[in-house]
All heavy atoms as atom14 arrays in JSON, in Angstrom:
{
  "sequence": "QMNGLKPEDTGVYYCAADLTLPLFDPCVLGMHEYDSWGQGTQ",
  "atom14_mask": [
    [1, 1, 1, 1, 1, 1, 1, 1, 1, 0, 0, 0, 0, 0],
    [1, 1, 1, 1, 1, 1, 1, 1, 0, 0, 0, 0, 0, 0],
    [1, 1, 1, 1, 1, 1, 1, 1, 0, 0, 0, 0, 0, 0],
    [1, 1, 1, 1, 0, 0, 0, 0, 0, 0, 0, 0, 0, 0],
    [1, 1, 1, 1, 1, 1, 1, 1, 0, 0, 0, 0, 0, 0],
    [1, 1, 1, 1, 1, 1, 1, 1, 1, 0, 0, 0, 0, 0],
    [1, 1, 1, 1, 1, 1, 1, 0, 0, 0, 0, 0, 0, 0],
    [1, 1, 1, 1, 1, 1, 1, 1, 1, 0, 0, 0, 0, 0],
    [1, 1, 1, 1, 1, 1, 1, 1, 0, 0, 0, 0, 0, 0],
    [1, 1, 1, 1, 1, 1, 1, 0, 0, 0, 0, 0, 0, 0],
    [1, 1, 1, 1, 0, 0, 0, 0, 0, 0, 0, 0, 0, 0],
    [1, 1, 1, 1, 1, 1, 1, 0, 0, 0, 0, 0, 0, 0],
    [1, 1, 1, 1, 1, 1, 1, 1, 1, 1, 1, 1, 0, 0],
    [1, 1, 1, 1, 1, 1, 1, 1, 1, 1, 1, 1, 0, 0],
    [1, 1, 1, 1, 1, 1, 0, 0, 0, 0, 0, 0, 0, 0],
    [1, 1, 1, 1, 1, 0, 0, 0, 0, 0, 0, 0, 0, 0],
    [1, 1, 1, 1, 1, 0, 0, 0, 0, 0, 0, 0, 0, 0],
    [1, 1, 1, 1, 1, 1, 1, 1, 0, 0, 0, 0, 0, 0],
    [1, 1, 1, 1, 1, 1, 1, 1, 0, 0, 0, 0, 0, 0],
    [1, 1, 1, 1, 1, 1, 1, 0, 0, 0, 0, 0, 0, 0],
    [1, 1, 1, 1, 1, 1, 1, 1, 0, 0, 0, 0, 0, 0],
    [1, 1, 1, 1, 1, 1, 1, 0, 0, 0, 0, 0, 0, 0],
    [1, 1, 1, 1, 1, 1, 1, 1, 0, 0, 0, 0, 0, 0],
    [1, 1, 1, 1, 1, 1, 1, 1, 1, 1, 1, 0, 0, 0],
    [1, 1, 1, 1, 1, 1, 1, 1, 0, 0, 0, 0, 0, 0],
    [1, 1, 1, 1, 1, 1, 1, 0, 0, 0, 0, 0, 0, 0],
    [1, 1, 1, 1, 1, 1, 0, 0, 0, 0, 0, 0, 0, 0],
    [1, 1, 1, 1, 1, 1, 1, 0, 0, 0, 0, 0, 0, 0],
    [1, 1, 1, 1, 1, 1, 1, 1, 0, 0, 0, 0, 0, 0],
    [1, 1, 1, 1, 0, 0, 0, 0, 0, 0, 0, 0, 0, 0],
    [1, 1, 1, 1, 1, 1, 1, 1, 0, 0, 0, 0, 0, 0],
    [1, 1, 1, 1, 1, 1, 1, 1, 1, 1, 0, 0, 0, 0],
    [1, 1, 1, 1, 1, 1, 1, 1, 1, 0, 0, 0, 0, 0],
    [1, 1, 1, 1, 1, 1, 1, 1, 1, 1, 1, 1, 0, 0],
    [1, 1, 1, 1, 1, 1, 1, 1, 0, 0, 0, 0, 0, 0],
    [1, 1, 1, 1, 1, 1, 0, 0, 0, 0, 0, 0, 0, 0],
    [1, 1, 1, 1, 1, 1, 1, 1, 1, 1, 1, 1, 1, 1],
    [1, 1, 1, 1, 0, 0, 0, 0, 0, 0, 0, 0, 0, 0],
    [1, 1, 1, 1, 1, 1, 1, 1, 1, 0, 0, 0, 0, 0],
    [1, 1, 1, 1, 0, 0, 0, 0, 0, 0, 0, 0, 0, 0],
    [1, 1, 1, 1, 1, 1, 1, 0, 0, 0, 0, 0, 0, 0],
    [1, 1, 1, 1, 1, 1, 1, 1, 1, 0, 0, 0, 0, 0]
  ],
  "atom14_positions": [
    [[-0.36, -3.69, 3.11], [-0.27, -4.03, 1.71], [-0.74, -2.84, 0.92], [-1.88, -2.38, 1.05], [-1.16, -5.25, 1.4], [-1.17, -5.66, -0.05], [0.18, -6.17, -0.56], [0.87, -6.92, 0.13], [0.58, -5.73, -1.77], [0.0, 0.0, 0.0], [0.0, 0.0, 0.0], [0.0, 0.0, 0.0], [0.0, 0.0, 0.0], [0.0, 0.0, 0.0]],
    [[0.15, -2.3, 0.05], [-0.15, -1.08, -0.68], [-0.21, -1.45, -2.15], [0.8, -1.84, -2.73], [0.9, -0.02, -0.44], [1.12, 0.31, 1.04], [2.17, 1.71, 1.33], [3.73, 1.06, 0.73], [0.0, 0.0, 0.0], [0.0, 0.0, 0.0], [0.0, 0.0, 0.0], [0.0, 0.0, 0.0], [0.0, 0.0, 0.0], [0.0, 0.0, 0.0]],
    [[-1.37, -1.28, -2.75], [-1.57, -1.61, -4.17], [-1.94, -0.31, -4.94], [-2.39, 0.66, -4.33], [-2.69, -2.62, -4.33], [-2.46, -3.89, -3.54], [-1.31, -4.45, -3.59], [-3.45, -4.39, -2.87], [0.0, 0.0, 0.0], [0.0, 0.0, 0.0], [0.0, 0.0, 0.0], [0.0, 0.0, 0.0], [0.0, 0.0, 0.0], [0.0, 0.0, 0.0]],
    [[-1.79, -0.35, -6.22], [-2.18, 0.84, -7.03], [-1.46, 2.06, -6.58], [-2.08, 3.13, -6.5], [0.0, 0.0, 0.0], [0.0, 0.0, 0.0], [0.0, 0.0, 0.0], [0.0, 0.0, 0.0], [0.0, 0.0, 0.0], [0.0, 0.0, 0.0], [0.0, 0.0, 0.0], [0.0, 0.0, 0.0], [0.0, 0.0, 0.0], [0.0, 0.0, 0.0]],
    [[-0.18, 1.97, -6.3], [0.55, 3.09, -5.72], [0.62, 4.26, -6.72], [0.75, 4.09, -7.93], [1.94, 2.66, -5.3], [1.95, 1.88, -4.0], [3.27, 1.11, -3.84], [1.75, 2.82, -2.81], [0.0, 0.0, 0.0], [0.0, 0.0, 0.0], [0.0, 0.0, 0.0], [0.0, 0.0, 0.0], [0.0, 0.0, 0.0], [0.0, 0.0, 0.0]],
    [[0.54, 5.45, -6.15], [0.55, 6.72, -6.87], [1.75, 7.54, -6.4], [2.19, 7.36, -5.26], [-0.73, 7.49, -6.65], [-1.99, 6.72, -6.93], [-3.24, 7.51, -6.55], [-4.53, 6.76, -6.83], [-5.71, 7.54, -6.42], [0.0, 0.0, 0.0], [0.0, 0.0, 0.0], [0.0, 0.0, 0.0], [0.0, 0.0, 0.0], [0.0, 0.0, 0.0]],
    [[2.21, 8.47, -7.21], [3.34, 9.33, -6.77], [3.01, 10.05, -5.47], [3.89, 10.27, -4.65], [3.45, 10.32, -7.94], [3.02, 9.54, -9.13], [1.88, 8.69, -8.66], [0.0, 0.0, 0.0], [0.0, 0.0, 0.0], [0.0, 0.0, 0.0], [0.0, 0.0, 0.0], [0.0, 0.0, 0.0], [0.0, 0.0, 0.0], [0.0, 0.0, 0.0]],
    [[1.77, 10.41, -5.25], [1.4, 11.12, -4.01], [1.45, 10.21, -2.78], [1.26, 10.67, -1.66], [0.02, 11.78, -4.12], [-1.09, 10.83, -4.59], [-1.35, 10.99, -6.08], [-0.37, 11.06, -6.85], [-2.52, 10.96, -6.45], [0.0, 0.0, 0.0], [0.0, 0.0, 0.0], [0.0, 0.0, 0.0], [0.0, 0.0, 0.0], [0.0, 0.0, 0.0]],
    [[1.66, 8.91, -2.96], [1.86, 8.01, -1.83], [3.32, 8.03, -1.31], [3.62, 7.39, -0.3], [1.5, 6.58, -2.22], [0.01, 6.43, -2.52], [-0.82, 6.99, -1.75], [-0.3, 5.73, -3.49], [0.0, 0.0, 0.0], [0.0, 0.0, 0.0], [0.0, 0.0, 0.0], [0.0, 0.0, 0.0], [0.0, 0.0, 0.0], [0.0, 0.0, 0.0]],
    [[4.13, 8.73, -2.0], [5.56, 8.83, -1.63], [5.68, 9.47, -0.24], [4.99, 10.46, 0.08], [6.34, 9.65, -2.65], [6.38, 8.93, -3.85], [7.75, 9.94, -2.18], [0.0, 0.0, 0.0], [0.0, 0.0, 0.0], [0.0, 0.0, 0.0], [0.0, 0.0, 0.0], [0.0, 0.0, 0.0], [0.0, 0.0, 0.0], [0.0, 0.0, 0.0]],
    [[6.59, 8.95, 0.56], [6.84, 9.52, 1.88], [7.54, 8.5, 2.8], [7.81, 7.37, 2.36], [0.0, 0.0, 0.0], [0.0, 0.0, 0.0], [0.0, 0.0, 0.0], [0.0, 0.0, 0.0], [0.0, 0.0, 0.0], [0.0, 0.0, 0.0], [0.0, 0.0, 0.0], [0.0, 0.0, 0.0], [0.0, 0.0, 0.0], [0.0, 0.0, 0.0]],
    [[7.85, 8.93, 3.96], [8.37, 8.04, 5.02], [7.17, 7.45, 5.74], [6.32, 8.2, 6.22], [9.31, 8.76, 5.94], [9.82, 7.79, 7.03], [10.5, 9.39, 5.21], [0.0, 0.0, 0.0], [0.0, 0.0, 0.0], [0.0, 0.0, 0.0], [0.0, 0.0, 0.0], [0.0, 0.0, 0.0], [0.0, 0.0, 0.0], [0.0, 0.0, 0.0]],
    [[7.13, 6.16, 5.82], [5.99, 5.46, 6.45], [6.44, 5.01, 7.85], [7.5, 4.37, 7.98], [5.53, 4.28, 5.59], [4.67, 4.71, 4.45], [5.2, 5.44, 3.38], [3.29, 4.48, 4.45], [4.4, 5.86, 2.31], [2.49, 4.87, 3.41], [3.04, 5.58, 2.34], [2.22, 6.0, 1.3], [0.0, 0.0, 0.0], [0.0, 0.0, 0.0]],
    [[5.65, 5.36, 8.81], [5.88, 4.97, 10.2], [4.75, 4.09, 10.73], [3.59, 4.3, 10.39], [5.93, 6.2, 11.11], [6.98, 7.23, 10.74], [6.72, 8.23, 9.81], [8.24, 7.2, 11.34], [7.7, 9.17, 9.51], [9.21, 8.14, 11.03], [8.93, 9.14, 10.1], [9.89, 10.07, 9.79], [0.0, 0.0, 0.0], [0.0, 0.0, 0.0]],
    [[5.08, 3.14, 11.58], [4.06, 2.5, 12.37], [4.15, 3.01, 13.81], [5.23, 3.43, 14.25], [4.13, 0.98, 12.31], [5.57, 0.22, 13.08], [0.0, 0.0, 0.0], [0.0, 0.0, 0.0], [0.0, 0.0, 0.0], [0.0, 0.0, 0.0], [0.0, 0.0, 0.0], [0.0, 0.0, 0.0], [0.0, 0.0, 0.0], [0.0, 0.0, 0.0]],
    [[3.03, 3.03, 14.46], [2.94, 3.59, 15.81], [1.9, 2.85, 16.6], [1.01, 2.21, 16.03], [2.61, 5.08, 15.74], [0.0, 0.0, 0.0], [0.0, 0.0, 0.0], [0.0, 0.0, 0.0], [0.0, 0.0, 0.0], [0.0, 0.0, 0.0], [0.0, 0.0, 0.0], [0.0, 0.0, 0.0], [0.0, 0.0, 0.0], [0.0, 0.0, 0.0]],
    [[2.0, 2.94, 17.92], [1.07, 2.23, 18.81], [0.27, 3.22, 19.66], [0.87, 4.13, 20.24], [1.84, 1.27, 19.71], [0.0, 0.0, 0.0], [0.0, 0.0, 0.0], [0.0, 0.0, 0.0], [0.0, 0.0, 0.0], [0.0, 0.0, 0.0], [0.0, 0.0, 0.0], [0.0, 0.0, 0.0], [0.0, 0.0, 0.0], [0.0, 0.0, 0.0]],
    [[-1.02, 3.01, 19.68], [-1.9, 3.78, 20.59], [-2.16, 2.86, 21.78], [-2.96, 1.92, 21.73], [-3.21, 4.16, 19.89], [-4.19, 4.9, 20.8], [-3.84, 5.06, 21.97], [-5.23, 5.32, 20.28], [0.0, 0.0, 0.0], [0.0, 0.0, 0.0], [0.0, 0.0, 0.0], [0.0, 0.0, 0.0], [0.0, 0.0, 0.0], [0.0, 0.0, 0.0]],
    [[-1.47, 3.17, 22.88], [-1.52, 2.28, 24.05], [-2.55, 2.65, 25.06], [-2.74, 1.98, 26.07], [-0.15, 2.28, 24.75], [1.04, 1.87, 23.81], [2.36, 2.01, 24.55], [0.88, 0.46, 23.28], [0.0, 0.0, 0.0], [0.0, 0.0, 0.0], [0.0, 0.0, 0.0], [0.0, 0.0, 0.0], [0.0, 0.0, 0.0], [0.0, 0.0, 0.0]],
    [[-3.29, 3.76, 24.79], [-4.33, 4.2, 25.71], [-5.69, 4.21, 25.03], [-6.6, 4.92, 25.48], [-3.99, 5.6, 26.27], [-3.88, 6.51, 25.18], [-2.71, 5.6, 27.06], [0.0, 0.0, 0.0], [0.0, 0.0, 0.0], [0.0, 0.0, 0.0], [0.0, 0.0, 0.0], [0.0, 0.0, 0.0], [0.0, 0.0, 0.0], [0.0, 0.0, 0.0]],
    [[-5.85, 3.4, 24.03], [-7.15, 3.33, 23.33], [-8.2, 2.75, 24.26], [-7.96, 1.68, 24.81], [-6.99, 2.45, 22.1], [-8.25, 2.28, 21.19], [-8.62, 3.59, 20.58], [-7.96, 1.23, 20.13], [0.0, 0.0, 0.0], [0.0, 0.0, 0.0], [0.0, 0.0, 0.0], [0.0, 0.0, 0.0], [0.0, 0.0, 0.0], [0.0, 0.0, 0.0]],
    [[-9.31, 3.46, 24.47], [-10.34, 2.92, 25.37], [-10.86, 1.56, 24.84], [-11.03, 1.36, 23.64], [-11.43, 3.99, 25.32], [-10.7, 5.26, 24.95], [-9.61, 4.82, 24.0], [0.0, 0.0, 0.0], [0.0, 0.0, 0.0], [0.0, 0.0, 0.0], [0.0, 0.0, 0.0], [0.0, 0.0, 0.0], [0.0, 0.0, 0.0], [0.0, 0.0, 0.0]],
    [[-11.18, 0.71, 25.79], [-11.62, -0.65, 25.44], [-12.81, -0.62, 24.49], [-13.78, 0.09, 24.74], [-11.99, -1.39, 26.7], [-12.23, -2.9, 26.65], [-10.97, -3.59, 26.15], [-12.68, -3.44, 27.99], [0.0, 0.0, 0.0], [0.0, 0.0, 0.0], [0.0, 0.0, 0.0], [0.0, 0.0, 0.0], [0.0, 0.0, 0.0], [0.0, 0.0, 0.0]],
    [[-12.7, -1.36, 23.4], [-13.72, -1.52, 22.36], [-13.86, -0.34, 21.44], [-14.67, -0.39, 20.53], [-15.07, -1.94, 22.92], [-15.02, -3.19, 23.75], [-15.67, -3.27, 24.99], [-14.33, -4.32, 23.33], [-15.6, -4.42, 25.77], [-14.26, -5.44, 24.08], [-14.91, -5.53, 25.3], [0.0, 0.0, 0.0], [0.0, 0.0, 0.0], [0.0, 0.0, 0.0]],
    [[-13.17, 0.76, 21.7], [-13.23, 1.87, 20.78], [-12.5, 1.56, 19.47], [-11.48, 0.83, 19.48], [-12.57, 3.15, 21.4], [-13.52, 3.94, 22.22], [-14.6, 3.4, 22.59], [-13.2, 5.1, 22.56], [0.0, 0.0, 0.0], [0.0, 0.0, 0.0], [0.0, 0.0, 0.0], [0.0, 0.0, 0.0], [0.0, 0.0, 0.0], [0.0, 0.0, 0.0]],
    [[-13.0, 2.05, 18.33], [-12.24, 1.92, 17.08], [-11.01, 2.79, 17.12], [-10.98, 3.81, 17.81], [-13.22, 2.41, 15.99], [-14.11, 3.36, 16.73], [-14.26, 2.81, 18.11], [0.0, 0.0, 0.0], [0.0, 0.0, 0.0], [0.0, 0.0, 0.0], [0.0, 0.0, 0.0], [0.0, 0.0, 0.0], [0.0, 0.0, 0.0], [0.0, 0.0, 0.0]],
    [[-9.96, 2.34, 16.44], [-8.76, 3.14, 16.39], [-8.98, 4.4, 15.52], [-9.86, 4.41, 14.69], [-7.59, 2.32, 15.85], [-7.82, 1.64, 14.2], [0.0, 0.0, 0.0], [0.0, 0.0, 0.0], [0.0, 0.0, 0.0], [0.0, 0.0, 0.0], [0.0, 0.0, 0.0], [0.0, 0.0, 0.0], [0.0, 0.0, 0.0], [0.0, 0.0, 0.0]],
    [[-8.16, 5.41, 15.74], [-8.28, 6.65, 15.05], [-6.95, 6.97, 14.41], [-5.93, 6.4, 14.71], [-8.7, 7.8, 16.01], [-10.11, 7.54, 16.54], [-7.72, 7.95, 17.15], [0.0, 0.0, 0.0], [0.0, 0.0, 0.0], [0.0, 0.0, 0.0], [0.0, 0.0, 0.0], [0.0, 0.0, 0.0], [0.0, 0.0, 0.0], [0.0, 0.0, 0.0]],
    [[-6.97, 7.95, 13.5], [-5.78, 8.26, 12.7], [-5.14, 9.57, 13.06], [-4.36, 10.12, 12.3], [-6.14, 8.22, 11.21], [-6.59, 6.85, 10.68], [-7.01, 6.97, 9.22], [-5.47, 5.85, 10.86], [0.0, 0.0, 0.0], [0.0, 0.0, 0.0], [0.0, 0.0, 0.0], [0.0, 0.0, 0.0], [0.0, 0.0, 0.0], [0.0, 0.0, 0.0]],
    [[-5.44, 10.07, 14.24], [-4.77, 11.28, 14.71], [-3.4, 10.92, 15.31], [-3.35, 10.13, 16.23], [0.0, 0.0, 0.0], [0.0, 0.0, 0.0], [0.0, 0.0, 0.0], [0.0, 0.0, 0.0], [0.0, 0.0, 0.0], [0.0, 0.0, 0.0], [0.0, 0.0, 0.0], [0.0, 0.0, 0.0], [0.0, 0.0, 0.0], [0.0, 0.0, 0.0]],
    [[-2.37, 11.52, 14.83], [-1.03, 11.13, 15.26], [-0.79, 11.4, 16.75], [0.03, 10.71, 17.38], [0.04, 11.86, 14.44], [0.05, 13.39, 14.56], [1.44, 14.17, 13.73], [2.79, 13.73, 14.82], [0.0, 0.0, 0.0], [0.0, 0.0, 0.0], [0.0, 0.0, 0.0], [0.0, 0.0, 0.0], [0.0, 0.0, 0.0], [0.0, 0.0, 0.0]],
    [[-1.48, 12.38, 17.29], [-1.23, 12.72, 18.69], [-1.83, 11.69, 19.66], [-1.58, 11.73, 20.87], [-1.78, 14.09, 18.96], [-1.15, 15.15, 18.14], [0.14, 15.55, 18.33], [-1.67, 15.92, 17.11], [0.45, 16.49, 17.4], [-0.65, 16.71, 16.68], [0.0, 0.0, 0.0], [0.0, 0.0, 0.0], [0.0, 0.0, 0.0], [0.0, 0.0, 0.0]],
    [[-2.61, 10.72, 19.16], [-3.14, 9.65, 19.98], [-2.11, 8.54, 20.2], [-2.33, 7.67, 21.04], [-4.41, 9.06, 19.32], [-5.5, 10.05, 19.07], [-6.08, 10.57, 20.39], [-6.1, 9.81, 21.38], [-6.48, 11.75, 20.44], [0.0, 0.0, 0.0], [0.0, 0.0, 0.0], [0.0, 0.0, 0.0], [0.0, 0.0, 0.0], [0.0, 0.0, 0.0]],
    [[-1.05, 8.56, 19.44], [-0.12, 7.44, 19.43], [1.13, 7.73, 20.27], [1.64, 8.87, 20.3], [0.29, 7.11, 17.99], [-0.88, 6.45, 17.28], [-1.95, 7.2, 16.82], [-0.91, 5.08, 17.08], [-3.05, 6.6, 16.21], [-1.99, 4.47, 16.45], [-3.04, 5.23, 16.01], [-4.13, 4.61, 15.41], [0.0, 0.0, 0.0], [0.0, 0.0, 0.0]],
    [[1.57, 6.72, 20.98], [2.57, 6.88, 22.03], [3.97, 6.43, 21.63], [4.96, 7.01, 22.04], [2.15, 6.07, 23.29], [0.68, 6.25, 23.62], [0.36, 7.31, 24.2], [-0.1, 5.37, 23.27], [0.0, 0.0, 0.0], [0.0, 0.0, 0.0], [0.0, 0.0, 0.0], [0.0, 0.0, 0.0], [0.0, 0.0, 0.0], [0.0, 0.0, 0.0]],
    [[4.04, 5.37, 20.86], [5.33, 4.77, 20.49], [5.41, 4.74, 18.98], [4.45, 4.37, 18.32], [5.47, 3.35, 21.04], [5.45, 3.37, 22.46], [0.0, 0.0, 0.0], [0.0, 0.0, 0.0], [0.0, 0.0, 0.0], [0.0, 0.0, 0.0], [0.0, 0.0, 0.0], [0.0, 0.0, 0.0], [0.0, 0.0, 0.0], [0.0, 0.0, 0.0]],
    [[6.6, 5.06, 18.47], [6.79, 5.17, 17.05], [8.02, 4.4, 16.62], [9.02, 4.31, 17.31], [7.0, 6.61, 16.62], [5.77, 7.46, 16.84], [5.35, 8.05, 18.01], [4.81, 7.8, 15.84], [4.17, 8.7, 17.78], [3.8, 8.6, 16.46], [4.69, 7.53, 14.47], [2.73, 9.09, 15.79], [3.6, 8.02, 13.78], [2.63, 8.82, 14.42]],
    [[7.95, 3.87, 15.39], [9.13, 3.23, 14.76], [9.97, 4.32, 14.13], [9.66, 5.52, 14.13], [0.0, 0.0, 0.0], [0.0, 0.0, 0.0], [0.0, 0.0, 0.0], [0.0, 0.0, 0.0], [0.0, 0.0, 0.0], [0.0, 0.0, 0.0], [0.0, 0.0, 0.0], [0.0, 0.0, 0.0], [0.0, 0.0, 0.0], [0.0, 0.0, 0.0]],
    [[11.04, 3.89, 13.45], [12.02, 4.82, 12.89], [11.64, 5.23, 11.44], [12.17, 6.15, 10.91], [13.39, 4.24, 12.89], [13.72, 3.25, 11.73], [12.96, 1.97, 11.79], [12.37, 1.57, 12.81], [13.02, 1.19, 10.68], [0.0, 0.0, 0.0], [0.0, 0.0, 0.0], [0.0, 0.0, 0.0], [0.0, 0.0, 0.0], [0.0, 0.0, 0.0]],
    [[10.7, 4.51, 10.83], [10.21, 4.86, 9.5], [10.89, 4.13, 8.39], [12.06, 3.65, 8.53], [0.0, 0.0, 0.0], [0.0, 0.0, 0.0], [0.0, 0.0, 0.0], [0.0, 0.0, 0.0], [0.0, 0.0, 0.0], [0.0, 0.0, 0.0], [0.0, 0.0, 0.0], [0.0, 0.0, 0.0], [0.0, 0.0, 0.0], [0.0, 0.0, 0.0]],
    [[10.22, 3.95, 7.28], [10.78, 3.33, 6.09], [10.29, 4.17, 4.87], [9.14, 4.55, 4.76], [10.38, 1.85, 5.95], [10.99, 1.26, 4.83], [8.86, 1.68, 5.81], [0.0, 0.0, 0.0], [0.0, 0.0, 0.0], [0.0, 0.0, 0.0], [0.0, 0.0, 0.0], [0.0, 0.0, 0.0], [0.0, 0.0, 0.0], [0.0, 0.0, 0.0]],
    [[11.23, 4.44, 3.96], [10.96, 5.34, 2.81], [10.25, 4.56, 1.72], [10.68, 3.48, 1.31], [12.26, 5.93, 2.28], [12.12, 6.77, 1.06], [11.4, 8.12, 1.32], [11.73, 8.79, 2.31], [10.49, 8.52, 0.47], [0.0, 0.0, 0.0], [0.0, 0.0, 0.0], [0.0, 0.0, 0.0], [0.0, 0.0, 0.0], [0.0, 0.0, 0.0]]
  ]
}
Protein backbone atom coordinates (compact mmCIF):
# COMPACT_ATOMS: atom_id res chain seq x y z
CA GLN A 1 0.00 0.00 0.00
CA MET A 2 1.63 3.22 -1.18
CA ASN A 3 0.35 6.48 0.26
CA GLY A 4 1.55 10.05 -0.09
CA LEU A 5 3.18 9.24 -3.41
CA LYS A 6 5.89 11.54 -4.70
CA PRO A 7 7.36 11.94 -8.20
CA GLU A 8 10.54 10.25 -6.97
CA ASP A 9 8.51 7.11 -6.27
CA THR A 10 8.13 6.64 -10.02
CA GLY A 11 9.62 3.44 -11.39
CA VAL A 12 9.02 -0.18 -12.24
CA TYR A 13 8.06 -2.06 -9.09
CA TYR A 14 9.07 -5.70 -8.73
CA CYS A 15 8.30 -8.29 -6.12
CA ALA A 16 10.89 -10.93 -5.40
CA ALA A 17 11.42 -13.91 -3.10
CA ASP A 18 14.37 -14.59 -0.82
CA LEU A 19 14.22 -18.37 -0.61
CA THR A 20 17.42 -18.84 1.41
CA LEU A 21 16.67 -16.50 4.30
CA PRO A 22 18.08 -18.05 7.48
CA LEU A 23 15.40 -19.17 9.93
CA PHE A 24 14.14 -16.31 12.13
CA ASP A 25 16.39 -13.73 10.45
CA PRO A 26 14.72 -10.45 9.45
CA CYS A 27 14.43 -9.90 5.73
CA VAL A 28 16.84 -7.52 4.04
CA LEU A 29 16.54 -5.16 1.10
CA GLY A 30 19.62 -6.14 -0.88
CA MET A 31 18.52 -7.24 -4.33
CA HIS A 32 21.24 -9.87 -4.60
CA GLU A 33 19.66 -11.82 -1.73
CA TYR A 34 16.57 -12.51 -3.81
CA ASP A 35 16.20 -15.52 -6.07
CA SER A 36 12.92 -15.24 -7.95
CA TRP A 37 11.50 -12.10 -9.54
CA GLY A 38 8.25 -11.00 -11.09
CA GLN A 39 8.00 -9.12 -14.36
CA GLY A 40 7.33 -5.72 -12.76
CA THR A 41 4.56 -3.14 -12.84
CA GLN A 42 5.02 0.52 -13.76
